[in-house]
Amino acid sequence: MGDRLQGYSLLMPVACSLLPVAFISQLDEYSMSKKVYIETYGCQMNVADSEVVVSILSKAGYEPTENINDAGLILINTCSIRDNAEQRIWGRLKAISHLKKQKNDLKIGIIGCMAERLKEKLIETDQLVDIVVGPDAYRELPLLVSEAEAGHKAVNVLLSREETYADISPVRMDKNGVSSFVSIMRGCNNMCAYCVVPYVRGAERSRNPESVLKEVKELFEMGYREVTLLGQNVDSYNWDNNSGNIGFPELLEKVAIIDPLLRVRFSTSHPKDISDELLYTIARNKNICKHIHLPAQSGSSRILKLMNREYTREWYMDRVNAIHTIIPECSLSTDMITGFCTETEEDHKESLSLMEWTGFDFAYMFKYSERPGTKAARKLKDNVSESVKSERLCEMISLQNRLSIKSKKSDIGMVFDVLIEGFSKRSFEFLSGRTSQNKVVVFPGGDFKKGEYVRVLIERCTSATLIGKCI
C-alpha cells in the first residue's frame, strides 16, 4: 500500500523545427518549467487526490509528464500511516536530490498526509523541499508554486471542515481506462488509538451526492466500467439537505442504477457501522460487487478496546455472519495489526483464530508502528519487541496464505462474470480481469477486449490468481 504507484503523461509533440535556435532554447526551458511529475504513495485516497491535483495544475497551465527529468515541478503525494511509509519518502527525496543540482529552477513539493504531519522538518531538509501542501489545500497549489518560484518556501497545511473538491473533475491517471476511484467523503471521526488519519486529514465531511453521481456518469460515458467509492469510513457517509438525509446505502444504490454495465465497489467499511441496510442494498443490486473490505485489526476484544475500535470480537463475528447470511457469495478481506501495545501471545492467538474462523480471502497485515501524536503514542507503551512483532507477523502471513489458497481452490469448477482489465502480466496471449469478489482471473484472450464482460470457467489456481477459460 505504501509503494510508489505511478507517474503520468499526456505529452503532446511540439513542432518547432523552423524556429530560431535561441527561441527553441527558451521554449524548452519554459516548457520544462510548466511540466509536473507526480509520484503517489499509499492508499487509494491518495491516488484520487493526485488526480485532483493534476486537474488543478492543468488549469493553471501545467502539463503532466511521466518523465521526471522533463519536469520543472516534482510533487510527491505521501502517506503517514506507518513509519515505513515515511522512510520511503525520505529515501526518495535523497534519490532525486541530484536533479535539484542539475536544474536550479526545479521545484520539489511534498503533498498529502506527511506534509501535514512533518511540515517544519520537510522545509528544513537541506533546502530540497520548496513546497509543502496538506490534503485540504490543493486548490492553493498554483499560488504556492508561484511563491516558490519567487524564492520563498511555500507552505499551506491548514485543515478544512468543508473542503471535498466536489466541483473538480479529476484528470484520470489510471492506465487501463476501465476502473477508477471516486471520493465520496474526506477526513475521519474515528479516533483509533494507533491512527494519524484524523490528525492529517481532519474531521469527516461528506460530498454532495449530486456531484458524486455526475462524476460517475461522466466516467461511464468515457468508457469506464468500474468505480470504487472511497472514504476513510464509507458507512458513515451522510448528506443532509432540504430534501432530507442520504446515507451510504442510498448513495450506493443511486450509483448502481446509473447503468447495469457499471460495476460498483467501495472502501472502506468500519465494523462498528456496517448495517444490514447496506448488506441488503448490495444483495439486491447485481452490479454492486460482492466483496467487502472489513478491517478487523485484532481478534482480541481487550486489544480492540485499547485500540478504541468501538466493537468487540463478538460484534465483528456477528457482522461477518450477517454478511454471509444476506450475501452468501460475498468475499471478505481485512487489515490486521500485530504487536500492538501490551499484546500478549494469547491476544495474538485470538487474532489468528478470528482470521481462520472468518476465512478471509485476502488481508493486509502489518506490525504495529507507533505514530507520534496519536493516543497510543501518548498513553500506551509500545512494549512488544520488534523480534516478537516480526515473528507474529510471519505467523499471520503464513496463515493468510493458506486461507487465500483455500478460498481460490473453492472457486475451481465455478463460472464467474469477469470484467476484462487488460493483458496478463506474463503474456499478451492471455487476458486478465476480476470477479465481483475481487479475485484476479487469467484466461486465453481470443477476440475479447478490455472493458468487456466475459463468463469464465475456473479450471485451476495459483496462490494469487484464478485461471480458466471463457464459455
Protein backbone atom coordinates (compact mmCIF):
# COMPACT_ATOMS: atom_id res chain seq x y z
CA MET A 1 0.00 0.00 0.00
CA GLY A 2 2.93 2.29 0.63
CA ASP A 3 4.67 1.65 -2.69
CA ARG A 4 5.02 4.31 -5.35
CA LEU A 5 2.09 3.86 -7.69
CA GLN A 6 2.74 5.89 -10.80
CA GLY A 7 3.79 8.98 -12.70
CA TYR A 8 1.55 10.12 -15.54
CA SER A 9 1.94 11.56 -19.02
CA LEU A 10 -0.26 13.34 -21.53
CA LEU A 11 2.59 14.85 -23.53
CA MET A 12 1.97 16.33 -26.95
CA PRO A 13 4.74 16.75 -29.57
CA VAL A 14 5.82 20.30 -30.36
CA ALA A 15 6.70 21.11 -33.97
CA CYS A 16 9.45 23.74 -33.72
CA SER A 17 11.97 22.85 -36.44
CA LEU A 18 11.54 26.25 -38.16
CA LEU A 19 12.09 28.37 -35.04
CA PRO A 20 15.38 30.14 -34.25
CA VAL A 21 17.77 28.12 -32.06
CA ALA A 22 17.78 30.72 -29.26
CA PHE A 23 13.99 30.77 -29.20
CA ILE A 24 13.87 26.96 -29.17
CA SER A 25 16.14 27.01 -26.11
CA GLN A 26 13.86 29.48 -24.35
CA LEU A 27 10.81 27.42 -25.36
CA ASP A 28 12.38 24.24 -23.98
CA GLU A 29 13.19 25.96 -20.70
CA TYR A 30 9.65 27.35 -20.39
CA SER A 31 8.12 24.01 -21.39
CA MET A 32 10.14 22.18 -18.76
CA SER A 33 9.12 24.62 -16.04
CA LYS A 34 5.46 24.00 -16.85
CA LYS A 35 5.62 20.22 -16.66
CA VAL A 36 4.67 18.45 -13.46
CA TYR A 37 5.64 14.95 -12.39
CA ILE A 38 3.66 13.32 -9.57
CA GLU A 39 4.55 10.24 -7.57
CA THR A 40 1.82 8.75 -5.43
CA TYR A 41 2.40 6.64 -2.33
CA GLY A 42 -0.09 4.98 -0.01
CA CYS A 43 -3.79 4.37 -0.22
CA GLN A 44 -6.41 4.67 -2.96
CA MET A 45 -7.46 8.00 -1.46
CA ASN A 46 -4.04 9.39 -2.35
CA VAL A 47 -4.43 8.15 -5.92
CA ALA A 48 -7.74 10.04 -6.15
CA ASP A 49 -6.14 13.12 -4.59
CA SER A 50 -3.32 13.07 -7.16
CA GLU A 51 -5.93 13.15 -9.91
CA VAL A 52 -7.47 16.24 -8.29
CA VAL A 53 -4.03 17.88 -8.08
CA VAL A 54 -3.34 17.22 -11.78
CA SER A 55 -6.69 18.80 -12.65
CA ILE A 56 -5.97 21.91 -10.59
CA LEU A 57 -2.47 22.34 -12.03
CA SER A 58 -3.62 21.64 -15.60
CA LYS A 59 -5.99 24.59 -15.38
CA ALA A 60 -3.03 26.70 -14.27
CA GLY A 61 -1.03 25.72 -17.36
CA TYR A 62 0.93 22.73 -16.08
CA GLU A 63 1.28 19.63 -18.21
CA PRO A 64 1.67 16.21 -16.54
CA THR A 65 4.67 14.13 -17.56
CA GLU A 66 5.81 10.56 -16.94
CA ASN A 67 9.47 11.55 -17.26
CA ILE A 68 10.83 13.01 -14.03
CA ASN A 69 13.77 14.52 -15.93
CA ASP A 70 11.41 16.66 -18.04
CA ALA A 71 9.65 18.21 -15.06
CA GLY A 72 10.06 21.69 -13.67
CA LEU A 73 7.83 20.71 -10.75
CA ILE A 74 8.02 17.40 -8.89
CA LEU A 75 5.29 16.56 -6.39
CA ILE A 76 5.37 13.56 -4.08
CA ASN A 77 1.98 12.61 -2.62
CA THR A 78 2.75 10.99 0.70
CA CYS A 79 1.44 8.58 3.31
CA SER A 80 1.97 8.72 7.09
CA ILE A 81 0.06 5.63 8.17
CA ARG A 82 3.28 3.82 9.18
CA ASP A 83 6.85 4.87 9.84
CA ASN A 84 8.00 2.65 6.99
CA ALA A 85 5.85 4.67 4.58
CA GLU A 86 7.51 7.91 5.70
CA GLN A 87 11.00 6.41 5.50
CA ARG A 88 10.37 5.57 1.86
CA ILE A 89 9.62 9.23 1.19
CA TRP A 90 12.84 10.37 2.88
CA GLY A 91 14.70 7.82 0.78
CA ARG A 92 13.00 9.03 -2.38
CA LEU A 93 13.89 12.66 -1.63
CA LYS A 94 17.51 11.64 -1.25
CA ALA A 95 17.37 9.70 -4.52
CA ILE A 96 16.12 12.70 -6.54
CA SER A 97 18.30 15.33 -4.83
CA HIS A 98 20.76 15.29 -7.77
CA LEU A 99 18.01 16.68 -10.03
CA LYS A 100 17.92 19.82 -7.92
CA LYS A 101 21.63 20.34 -8.52
CA GLN A 102 21.22 19.85 -12.26
CA LYS A 103 18.31 22.30 -12.60
CA ASN A 104 18.37 25.38 -10.39
CA ASP A 105 14.78 26.30 -11.22
CA LEU A 106 13.39 22.84 -10.36
CA LYS A 107 10.80 22.95 -7.57
CA ILE A 108 10.03 19.96 -5.36
CA GLY A 109 6.86 19.68 -3.32
CA ILE A 110 5.65 17.28 -0.67
CA ILE A 111 1.87 16.98 -0.55
CA GLY A 112 -0.59 14.84 1.38
CA CYS A 113 -0.53 13.33 4.85
CA MET A 114 3.21 13.53 5.52
CA ALA A 115 3.15 17.20 4.55
CA GLU A 116 0.53 17.82 7.21
CA ARG A 117 2.42 15.91 9.89
CA LEU A 118 6.03 16.98 9.25
CA LYS A 119 5.80 20.44 7.72
CA GLU A 120 8.69 22.07 9.63
CA LYS A 121 11.04 19.10 9.21
CA LEU A 122 10.34 18.93 5.48
CA ILE A 123 11.08 22.60 4.90
CA GLU A 124 14.40 22.24 6.74
CA THR A 125 15.53 19.27 4.60
CA ASP A 126 18.75 20.63 3.08
CA GLN A 127 16.81 23.25 1.10
CA LEU A 128 15.50 20.41 -1.07
CA VAL A 129 11.75 20.84 -0.50
CA ASP A 130 10.23 24.10 -1.75
CA ILE A 131 6.50 23.42 -1.31
CA VAL A 132 4.59 21.66 1.48
CA VAL A 133 0.84 21.26 0.99
CA GLY A 134 -1.67 19.36 3.13
CA PRO A 135 -4.65 17.37 1.80
CA ASP A 136 -7.12 20.24 2.18
CA ALA A 137 -5.03 22.94 0.47
CA TYR A 138 -4.61 21.62 -3.07
CA ARG A 139 -6.60 24.50 -4.58
CA GLU A 140 -3.78 26.79 -3.47
CA LEU A 141 -1.08 24.85 -5.33
CA PRO A 142 -0.75 27.22 -8.34
CA LEU A 143 -0.29 30.17 -5.96
CA LEU A 144 2.15 28.22 -3.79
CA VAL A 145 4.20 27.16 -6.81
CA SER A 146 4.44 30.81 -7.87
CA GLU A 147 5.57 31.67 -4.36
CA ALA A 148 8.28 29.01 -4.57
CA GLU A 149 9.39 30.28 -7.98
CA ALA A 150 9.83 33.72 -6.40
CA GLY A 151 12.33 32.18 -3.99
CA HIS A 152 10.13 31.64 -0.95
CA LYS A 153 9.27 28.48 0.92
CA ALA A 154 5.58 27.83 0.27
CA VAL A 155 3.53 26.10 2.96
CA ASN A 156 -0.19 25.52 3.48
CA VAL A 157 -1.29 22.64 5.69
CA LEU A 158 -4.49 24.14 7.07
CA LEU A 159 -7.27 21.59 7.55
CA SER A 160 -10.80 22.38 6.43
CA ARG A 161 -14.25 21.42 7.68
CA GLU A 162 -15.81 21.97 4.25
CA GLU A 163 -13.34 21.04 1.50
CA THR A 164 -14.35 17.99 -0.55
CA TYR A 165 -13.13 19.09 -4.05
CA ALA A 166 -16.65 18.20 -5.23
CA ASP A 167 -16.57 20.69 -8.11
CA ILE A 168 -13.26 19.49 -9.56
CA SER A 169 -13.24 16.92 -12.37
CA PRO A 170 -10.12 14.82 -11.72
CA VAL A 171 -7.69 14.08 -14.55
CA ARG A 172 -7.70 10.27 -14.64
CA MET A 173 -4.25 8.83 -14.01
CA ASP A 174 -5.15 5.16 -14.29
CA LYS A 175 -3.73 3.39 -17.31
CA ASN A 176 -6.40 0.84 -18.14
CA GLY A 177 -9.39 3.15 -18.72
CA VAL A 178 -11.66 0.52 -17.15
CA SER A 179 -11.57 1.11 -13.38
CA SER A 180 -11.40 4.36 -11.46
CA PHE A 181 -11.79 5.84 -7.97
CA VAL A 182 -14.35 8.40 -6.80
CA SER A 183 -14.00 10.03 -3.38
CA ILE A 184 -17.34 10.45 -1.61
CA MET A 185 -16.03 11.94 1.64
CA ARG A 186 -12.90 13.18 3.35
CA GLY A 187 -11.46 13.01 6.84
CA CYS A 188 -12.32 10.70 9.72
CA ASN A 189 -14.09 10.99 13.07
CA ASN A 190 -12.95 7.60 14.37
CA MET A 191 -10.16 8.23 16.85
CA CYS A 192 -8.46 4.83 16.66
CA ALA A 193 -5.58 4.93 19.12
CA TYR A 194 -2.91 3.95 16.57
CA CYS A 195 -4.05 6.10 13.62
CA VAL A 196 -2.86 9.50 12.37
CA VAL A 197 -5.62 9.96 9.76
CA PRO A 198 -7.89 12.26 11.85
CA TYR A 199 -4.87 14.47 12.56
CA VAL A 200 -3.59 14.72 8.99
CA ARG A 201 -6.91 14.63 7.08
CA GLY A 202 -9.17 16.40 9.52
CA ALA A 203 -12.79 15.85 10.52
CA GLU A 204 -15.23 13.82 8.47
CA ARG A 205 -17.32 15.58 5.82
CA SER A 206 -19.42 14.08 3.08
CA ARG A 207 -19.57 15.17 -0.53
CA ASN A 208 -22.73 16.35 -2.26
CA PRO A 209 -24.31 13.19 -3.75
CA GLU A 210 -25.22 15.01 -6.97
CA SER A 211 -21.55 15.75 -7.62
CA VAL A 212 -20.69 12.08 -6.96
CA LEU A 213 -23.35 10.88 -9.40
CA LYS A 214 -22.24 13.42 -12.02
CA GLU A 215 -18.63 12.24 -11.79
CA VAL A 216 -19.60 8.57 -12.03
CA LYS A 217 -21.86 9.23 -15.05
CA GLU A 218 -19.01 11.06 -16.78
CA LEU A 219 -16.69 8.13 -16.13
CA PHE A 220 -19.20 5.68 -17.60
CA GLU A 221 -19.64 7.85 -20.68
CA MET A 222 -15.82 7.88 -21.06
CA GLY A 223 -15.84 4.08 -21.22
CA TYR A 224 -15.06 3.19 -17.62
CA ARG A 225 -16.92 0.13 -16.41
CA GLU A 226 -15.99 0.05 -12.73
CA VAL A 227 -15.83 2.67 -9.98
CA THR A 228 -14.70 2.36 -6.38
CA LEU A 229 -16.35 4.79 -3.96
CA LEU A 230 -13.76 5.93 -1.44
CA GLY A 231 -13.89 7.13 2.14
CA GLN A 232 -11.99 6.51 5.37
CA ASN A 233 -15.29 5.05 6.61
CA VAL A 234 -17.88 4.95 3.83
CA ASP A 235 -20.54 3.60 6.21
CA SER A 236 -20.71 6.98 7.94
CA TYR A 237 -21.34 8.92 4.71
CA ASN A 238 -24.18 11.34 5.47
CA TRP A 239 -25.59 14.21 3.43
CA ASP A 240 -28.30 16.48 4.83
CA ASN A 241 -30.22 18.97 2.74
CA ASN A 242 -33.74 20.32 2.39
CA SER A 243 -34.82 17.13 0.64
CA GLY A 244 -33.81 15.00 3.59
CA ASN A 245 -30.95 12.76 4.59
CA ILE A 246 -28.93 10.50 2.28
CA GLY A 247 -26.81 7.77 3.87
CA PHE A 248 -24.31 5.44 2.25
CA PRO A 249 -26.75 2.63 1.31
CA GLU A 250 -28.90 5.11 -0.63
CA LEU A 251 -25.90 6.73 -2.35
CA LEU A 252 -24.51 3.32 -3.27
CA GLU A 253 -27.80 2.30 -4.88
CA LYS A 254 -28.08 5.61 -6.77
CA VAL A 255 -24.65 4.94 -8.26
CA ALA A 256 -25.54 1.33 -9.09
CA ILE A 257 -28.66 2.24 -11.07
CA ILE A 258 -26.72 4.59 -13.37
CA ASP A 259 -26.23 1.59 -15.66
CA PRO A 260 -26.29 -2.20 -15.14
CA LEU A 261 -22.97 -2.45 -17.04
CA LEU A 262 -21.25 -0.35 -14.37
CA ARG A 263 -19.61 -2.30 -11.57
CA VAL A 264 -19.54 -0.56 -8.20
CA ARG A 265 -17.09 -1.21 -5.39
CA PHE A 266 -16.42 0.70 -2.17
CA SER A 267 -13.77 1.02 0.51
CA THR A 268 -13.53 1.08 3.46
CA SER A 269 -16.26 -0.14 5.83
CA HIS A 270 -15.93 0.14 9.60
CA PRO A 271 -17.16 -2.93 11.53
CA LYS A 272 -18.97 -0.78 14.10
CA ASP A 273 -21.05 0.95 11.39
CA ILE A 274 -21.75 -1.61 8.67
CA SER A 275 -25.52 -2.08 8.65
CA ASP A 276 -27.97 -4.71 7.47
CA GLU A 277 -29.49 -2.00 5.27
CA LEU A 278 -26.18 -1.72 3.40
CA LEU A 279 -25.92 -5.51 3.07
CA TYR A 280 -29.43 -5.78 1.60
CA THR A 281 -28.59 -2.96 -0.82
CA ILE A 282 -25.58 -4.93 -2.04
CA ALA A 283 -27.59 -8.16 -2.27
CA ARG A 284 -30.38 -6.74 -4.46
CA ASN A 285 -28.12 -4.94 -6.94
CA LYS A 286 -26.26 -7.37 -9.18
CA ASN A 287 -23.69 -4.78 -10.26
CA ILE A 288 -22.62 -3.87 -6.71
CA CYS A 289 -19.62 -6.11 -6.25
CA LYS A 290 -19.90 -8.93 -3.75
CA HIS A 291 -16.77 -8.07 -1.84
CA ILE A 292 -16.39 -6.17 1.44
CA HIS A 293 -13.14 -4.96 2.94
CA LEU A 294 -13.81 -5.06 6.70
CA PRO A 295 -10.69 -4.22 8.77
CA ALA A 296 -10.65 -6.26 11.98
CA GLN A 297 -7.18 -5.06 13.16
CA SER A 298 -7.24 -7.60 16.03
CA GLY A 299 -9.19 -10.63 17.17
CA SER A 300 -8.83 -9.78 20.84
CA SER A 301 -11.58 -7.72 22.48
CA ARG A 302 -9.04 -6.44 25.01
CA ILE A 303 -6.75 -5.14 22.29
CA LEU A 304 -9.69 -3.74 20.30
CA LYS A 305 -10.69 -1.71 23.35
CA LEU A 306 -7.15 -0.35 23.72
CA MET A 307 -7.22 0.49 20.01
CA ASN A 308 -10.51 2.38 20.57
CA ARG A 309 -12.12 0.45 17.71
CA GLU A 310 -15.55 0.62 19.42
CA TYR A 311 -16.51 -3.02 18.78
CA THR A 312 -15.66 -6.41 20.23
CA ARG A 313 -14.60 -9.69 18.72
CA GLU A 314 -18.18 -10.92 19.14
CA TRP A 315 -19.59 -7.86 17.33
CA TYR A 316 -17.22 -8.41 14.43
CA MET A 317 -18.23 -12.07 14.18
CA ASP A 318 -21.91 -11.05 14.22
CA ARG A 319 -21.31 -8.72 11.26
CA VAL A 320 -19.49 -11.48 9.36
CA ASN A 321 -22.41 -13.83 10.00
CA ALA A 322 -24.81 -11.15 8.71
CA ILE A 323 -22.73 -10.72 5.55
CA HIS A 324 -22.71 -14.46 4.81
CA THR A 325 -26.44 -14.74 5.53
CA ILE A 326 -27.55 -11.79 3.41
CA ILE A 327 -24.88 -12.06 0.67
CA PRO A 328 -23.82 -15.74 0.61
CA GLU A 329 -21.43 -15.25 -2.34
CA CYS A 330 -19.63 -12.27 -0.73
CA SER A 331 -15.85 -12.38 -0.27
CA LEU A 332 -14.16 -10.71 2.69
CA SER A 333 -10.79 -9.06 3.12
CA THR A 334 -9.30 -7.32 6.14
CA ASP A 335 -6.49 -5.34 7.75
CA MET A 336 -4.63 -6.84 10.72
CA ILE A 337 -2.13 -5.25 13.09
CA THR A 338 0.16 -7.44 15.14
CA GLY A 339 2.25 -6.38 18.12
CA PHE A 340 0.01 -3.55 19.35
CA CYS A 341 0.77 -2.17 22.82
CA THR A 342 0.66 -4.87 25.54
CA GLU A 343 -0.40 -7.58 23.06
CA THR A 344 0.18 -11.00 24.63
CA GLU A 345 0.62 -14.36 22.95
CA GLU A 346 -2.98 -15.11 23.83
CA ASP A 347 -4.15 -11.89 22.15
CA HIS A 348 -2.16 -12.88 19.09
CA LYS A 349 -3.73 -16.34 19.02
CA GLU A 350 -7.16 -14.71 19.17
CA SER A 351 -6.29 -12.72 16.04
CA LEU A 352 -5.20 -15.90 14.27
CA SER A 353 -8.36 -17.74 15.32
CA LEU A 354 -10.57 -14.88 14.09
CA MET A 355 -8.79 -14.95 10.73
CA GLU A 356 -9.28 -18.71 10.46
CA TRP A 357 -12.91 -18.57 11.59
CA THR A 358 -13.72 -15.83 9.06
CA GLY A 359 -11.68 -17.41 6.26
CA PHE A 360 -10.55 -14.11 4.74
CA ASP A 361 -9.94 -14.22 1.01
CA PHE A 362 -7.01 -11.84 1.41
CA ALA A 363 -5.61 -9.47 4.01
CA TYR A 364 -3.23 -6.56 4.55
CA MET A 365 -1.09 -7.36 7.59
CA PHE A 366 1.33 -5.08 9.42
CA LYS A 367 3.49 -4.81 12.50
CA TYR A 368 2.33 -2.06 14.85
CA SER A 369 4.19 1.18 14.15
CA GLU A 370 3.87 3.92 16.78
CA ARG A 371 2.85 7.22 15.22
CA PRO A 372 3.72 10.44 17.06
CA GLY A 373 0.74 12.40 18.37
CA THR A 374 -1.70 9.51 18.43
CA LYS A 375 -3.46 8.36 21.60
CA ALA A 376 -1.40 5.18 21.67
CA ALA A 377 1.85 7.17 21.50
CA ARG A 378 0.68 9.50 24.28
CA LYS A 379 -0.88 7.00 26.68
CA LEU A 380 0.25 3.45 25.86
CA LYS A 381 3.63 1.79 25.95
CA ASP A 382 4.91 0.18 22.78
CA ASN A 383 6.29 -2.76 24.76
CA VAL A 384 6.20 -5.62 22.25
CA SER A 385 9.71 -6.20 20.91
CA GLU A 386 10.44 -5.92 17.18
CA SER A 387 11.54 -9.55 17.07
CA VAL A 388 8.23 -10.72 18.58
CA LYS A 389 6.27 -8.44 16.21
CA SER A 390 8.14 -9.91 13.24
CA GLU A 391 7.61 -13.47 14.44
CA ARG A 392 3.88 -12.91 14.92
CA LEU A 393 3.56 -11.17 11.57
CA CYS A 394 5.23 -14.11 9.80
CA GLU A 395 2.80 -16.47 11.51
CA MET A 396 -0.13 -14.30 10.45
CA ILE A 397 1.06 -14.09 6.84
CA SER A 398 1.59 -17.84 6.71
CA LEU A 399 -1.97 -18.43 7.92
CA GLN A 400 -3.42 -15.96 5.43
CA ASN A 401 -1.53 -17.62 2.58
CA ARG A 402 -3.24 -20.90 3.48
CA LEU A 403 -6.64 -19.18 3.72
CA SER A 404 -6.15 -17.44 0.36
CA ILE A 405 -5.27 -20.69 -1.39
CA LYS A 406 -8.24 -22.44 0.22
CA SER A 407 -10.53 -19.62 -0.96
CA LYS A 408 -9.27 -19.84 -4.54
CA LYS A 409 -9.44 -23.64 -4.66
CA SER A 410 -13.10 -23.43 -3.65
CA ASP A 411 -13.73 -21.48 -6.89
CA ILE A 412 -12.43 -24.25 -9.17
CA GLY A 413 -15.27 -25.54 -11.31
CA MET A 414 -17.34 -22.39 -10.86
CA VAL A 415 -18.26 -19.82 -13.50
CA PHE A 416 -17.79 -16.09 -12.89
CA ASP A 417 -18.54 -12.86 -14.74
CA VAL A 418 -15.14 -11.24 -15.28
CA LEU A 419 -14.55 -7.61 -16.26
CA ILE A 420 -11.52 -7.54 -18.56
CA GLU A 421 -8.90 -5.02 -17.39
CA GLY A 422 -6.15 -5.81 -19.89
CA PHE A 423 -3.47 -8.32 -20.77
CA SER A 424 -1.99 -10.73 -18.26
CA LYS A 425 1.30 -9.52 -16.78
CA ARG A 426 3.06 -12.61 -18.12
CA SER A 427 1.69 -12.99 -21.64
CA PHE A 428 -0.16 -10.99 -24.27
CA GLU A 429 -1.91 -14.21 -25.26
CA PHE A 430 -3.88 -14.09 -22.00
CA LEU A 431 -6.27 -11.50 -20.63
CA SER A 432 -6.75 -10.53 -17.01
CA GLY A 433 -9.72 -9.25 -15.04
CA ARG A 434 -11.51 -9.57 -11.73
CA THR A 435 -14.60 -11.26 -10.45
CA SER A 436 -17.26 -9.46 -8.47
CA GLN A 437 -15.50 -10.96 -5.42
CA ASN A 438 -12.33 -9.03 -6.35
CA LYS A 439 -10.32 -12.10 -7.33
CA VAL A 440 -7.93 -11.85 -10.29
CA VAL A 441 -8.68 -14.21 -13.20
CA VAL A 442 -6.42 -15.01 -16.15
CA PHE A 443 -7.73 -16.68 -19.32
CA PRO A 444 -6.88 -17.05 -23.04
CA GLY A 445 -7.56 -13.82 -24.92
CA GLY A 446 -9.44 -14.72 -28.06
CA ASP A 447 -11.29 -11.77 -29.62
CA PHE A 448 -12.29 -10.17 -26.32
CA LYS A 449 -11.38 -6.59 -25.46
CA LYS A 450 -10.61 -4.53 -22.42
CA GLY A 451 -13.78 -3.29 -20.71
CA GLU A 452 -15.92 -6.23 -21.82
CA TYR A 453 -17.57 -8.78 -19.54
CA VAL A 454 -16.94 -12.47 -20.14
CA ARG A 455 -18.07 -15.69 -18.46
CA VAL A 456 -15.07 -17.69 -17.27
CA LEU A 457 -14.98 -21.27 -16.01
CA ILE A 458 -12.27 -21.62 -13.36
CA GLU A 459 -10.08 -24.66 -14.05
CA ARG A 460 -7.14 -24.17 -11.66
CA CYS A 461 -5.46 -21.58 -9.48
CA THR A 462 -2.22 -20.30 -8.01
CA SER A 463 -1.90 -18.66 -4.60
CA ALA A 464 -2.77 -15.28 -6.14
CA THR A 465 -4.72 -15.97 -9.34
CA LEU A 466 -7.64 -17.94 -10.75
CA ILE A 467 -7.02 -19.49 -14.17
CA GLY A 468 -9.80 -20.52 -16.53
CA LYS A 469 -11.38 -20.39 -19.96
CA CYS A 470 -14.24 -18.41 -21.48
CA ILE A 471 -17.51 -20.22 -22.03
